[in-house]
Amino acid sequence: MAEAAGITIHAEAWPPAPVRGDPTRLRQITCNLMANAVKYNVPGGHIRLSLTACDRIWALEIANTG
């Protein structure tokens, strides 16, 4: 999807991040967020994925130029 729109995806190298939850639903949420980042971006834009930790809480950020 991103390639067809000329959108570049940048992802950092992440350490292992343990997550508790339903793997199917977590995958679905991530895919929905990525699809929205493509859909509501500008042609030739960028998407940045980052993962940060504070204590034992992880945050996944998906940002775009749209």
C-alpha atoms as a PDB file:
ATOM      1  CA  MET A   1       0.000   0.000   0.000  1.00  0.00           C
ATOM      2  CA  ALA A   2       2.727   2.469   0.986  1.00  0.00           C
ATOM      3  CA  GLU A   3       4.889   1.587  -1.988  1.00  0.00           C
ATOM      4  CA  ALA A   4       2.025   2.172  -4.435  1.00  0.00           C
ATOM      5  CA  ALA A   5       1.516   5.651  -2.925  1.00  0.00           C
ATOM      6  CA  GLY A   6       5.234   6.457  -3.037  1.00  0.00           C
ATOM      7  CA  ILE A   7       5.378   6.601   0.762  1.00  0.00           C
ATOM      8  CA  THR A   8       8.604   5.728   2.563  1.00  0.00           C
ATOM      9  CA  ILE A   9       8.501   3.873   5.883  1.00  0.00           C
ATOM     10  CA  HIS A  10      11.251   4.458   8.440  1.00  0.00           C
ATOM     11  CA  ALA A  11      11.535   2.088  11.396  1.00  0.00           C
ATOM     12  CA  GLU A  12      14.123   2.071  14.144  1.00  0.00           C
ATOM     13  CA  ALA A  13      15.869  -1.076  15.326  1.00  0.00           C
ATOM     14  CA  TRP A  14      13.914  -2.159  18.386  1.00  0.00           C
ATOM     15  CA  PRO A  15      14.889  -4.196  21.404  1.00  0.00           C
ATOM     16  CA  PRO A  16      12.654  -7.127  22.317  1.00  0.00           C
ATOM     17  CA  ALA A  17       9.426  -5.724  23.799  1.00  0.00           C
ATOM     18  CA  PRO A  18       7.327  -8.159  25.798  1.00  0.00           C
ATOM     19  CA  VAL A  19       3.602  -7.563  25.287  1.00  0.00           C
ATOM     20  CA  ARG A  20       0.611  -9.144  26.971  1.00  0.00           C
ATOM     21  CA  GLY A  21      -2.492  -9.320  24.844  1.00  0.00           C
ATOM     22  CA  ASP A  22      -4.294 -11.121  22.086  1.00  0.00           C
ATOM     23  CA  PRO A  23      -1.772 -11.458  19.223  1.00  0.00           C
ATOM     24  CA  THR A  24      -4.504 -11.359  16.581  1.00  0.00           C
ATOM     25  CA  ARG A  25      -6.028  -8.132  17.938  1.00  0.00           C
ATOM     26  CA  LEU A  26      -2.626  -6.489  18.437  1.00  0.00           C
ATOM     27  CA  ARG A  27      -1.736  -7.296  14.820  1.00  0.00           C
ATOM     28  CA  GLN A  28      -5.122  -5.930  13.682  1.00  0.00           C
ATOM     29  CA  ILE A  29      -4.634  -2.675  15.612  1.00  0.00           C
ATOM     30  CA  THR A  30      -1.138  -2.194  14.203  1.00  0.00           C
ATOM     31  CA  CYS A  31      -2.300  -2.917  10.640  1.00  0.00           C
ATOM     32  CA  ASN A  32      -5.211  -0.471  10.998  1.00  0.00           C
ATOM     33  CA  LEU A  33      -2.890   2.273  12.267  1.00  0.00           C
ATOM     34  CA  MET A  34      -0.452   1.652   9.399  1.00  0.00           C
ATOM     35  CA  ALA A  35      -3.274   1.680   6.828  1.00  0.00           C
ATOM     36  CA  ASN A  36      -4.493   5.019   8.229  1.00  0.00           C
ATOM     37  CA  ALA A  37      -0.948   6.417   8.159  1.00  0.00           C
ATOM     38  CA  VAL A  38      -0.819   5.594   4.443  1.00  0.00           C
ATOM     39  CA  LYS A  39      -4.372   6.690   3.636  1.00  0.00           C
ATOM     40  CA  TYR A  40      -4.102  10.079   5.364  1.00  0.00           C
ATOM     41  CA  ASN A  41      -0.603  10.900   4.173  1.00  0.00           C
ATOM     42  CA  VAL A  42       0.582  13.136   1.369  1.00  0.00           C
ATOM     43  CA  PRO A  43       1.817  11.626  -1.921  1.00  0.00           C
ATOM     44  CA  GLY A  44       5.509  10.831  -1.568  1.00  0.00           C
ATOM     45  CA  GLY A  45       5.281  11.280   2.221  1.00  0.00           C
ATOM     46  CA  HIS A  46       6.895   9.391   5.060  1.00  0.00           C
ATOM     47  CA  ILE A  47       5.778   7.140   7.906  1.00  0.00           C
ATOM     48  CA  ARG A  48       7.928   6.783  11.020  1.00  0.00           C
ATOM     49  CA  LEU A  49       7.614   3.880  13.455  1.00  0.00           C
ATOM     50  CA  SER A  50       9.205   4.123  16.872  1.00  0.00           C
ATOM     51  CA  LEU A  51       9.046   2.119  20.058  1.00  0.00           C
ATOM     52  CA  THR A  52       9.944   3.635  23.414  1.00  0.00           C
ATOM     53  CA  ALA A  53       9.931   2.308  26.959  1.00  0.00           C
ATOM     54  CA  CYS A  54       9.402   3.959  30.316  1.00  0.00           C
ATOM     55  CA  ASP A  55       9.932   1.496  33.139  1.00  0.00           C
ATOM     56  CA  ARG A  56       8.010  -1.564  31.916  1.00  0.00           C
ATOM     57  CA  ILE A  57       5.500   0.307  29.725  1.00  0.00           C
ATOM     58  CA  TRP A  58       6.107   0.324  25.975  1.00  0.00           C
ATOM     59  CA  ALA A  59       4.700   2.850  23.509  1.00  0.00           C
ATOM     60  CA  LEU A  60       4.474   2.275  19.758  1.00  0.00           C
ATOM     61  CA  GLU A  61       4.245   5.490  17.753  1.00  0.00           C
ATOM     62  CA  ILE A  62       3.194   5.594  14.110  1.00  0.00           C
ATOM     63  CA  ALA A  63       3.562   9.087  12.649  1.00  0.00           C
ATOM     64  CA  ASN A  64       3.106  10.383   9.116  1.00  0.00           C
ATOM     65  CA  THR A  65       3.623  13.596   7.168  1.00  0.00           C
ATOM     66  CA  GLY A  66      -0.107  13.901   6.329  1.00  0.00           C
END
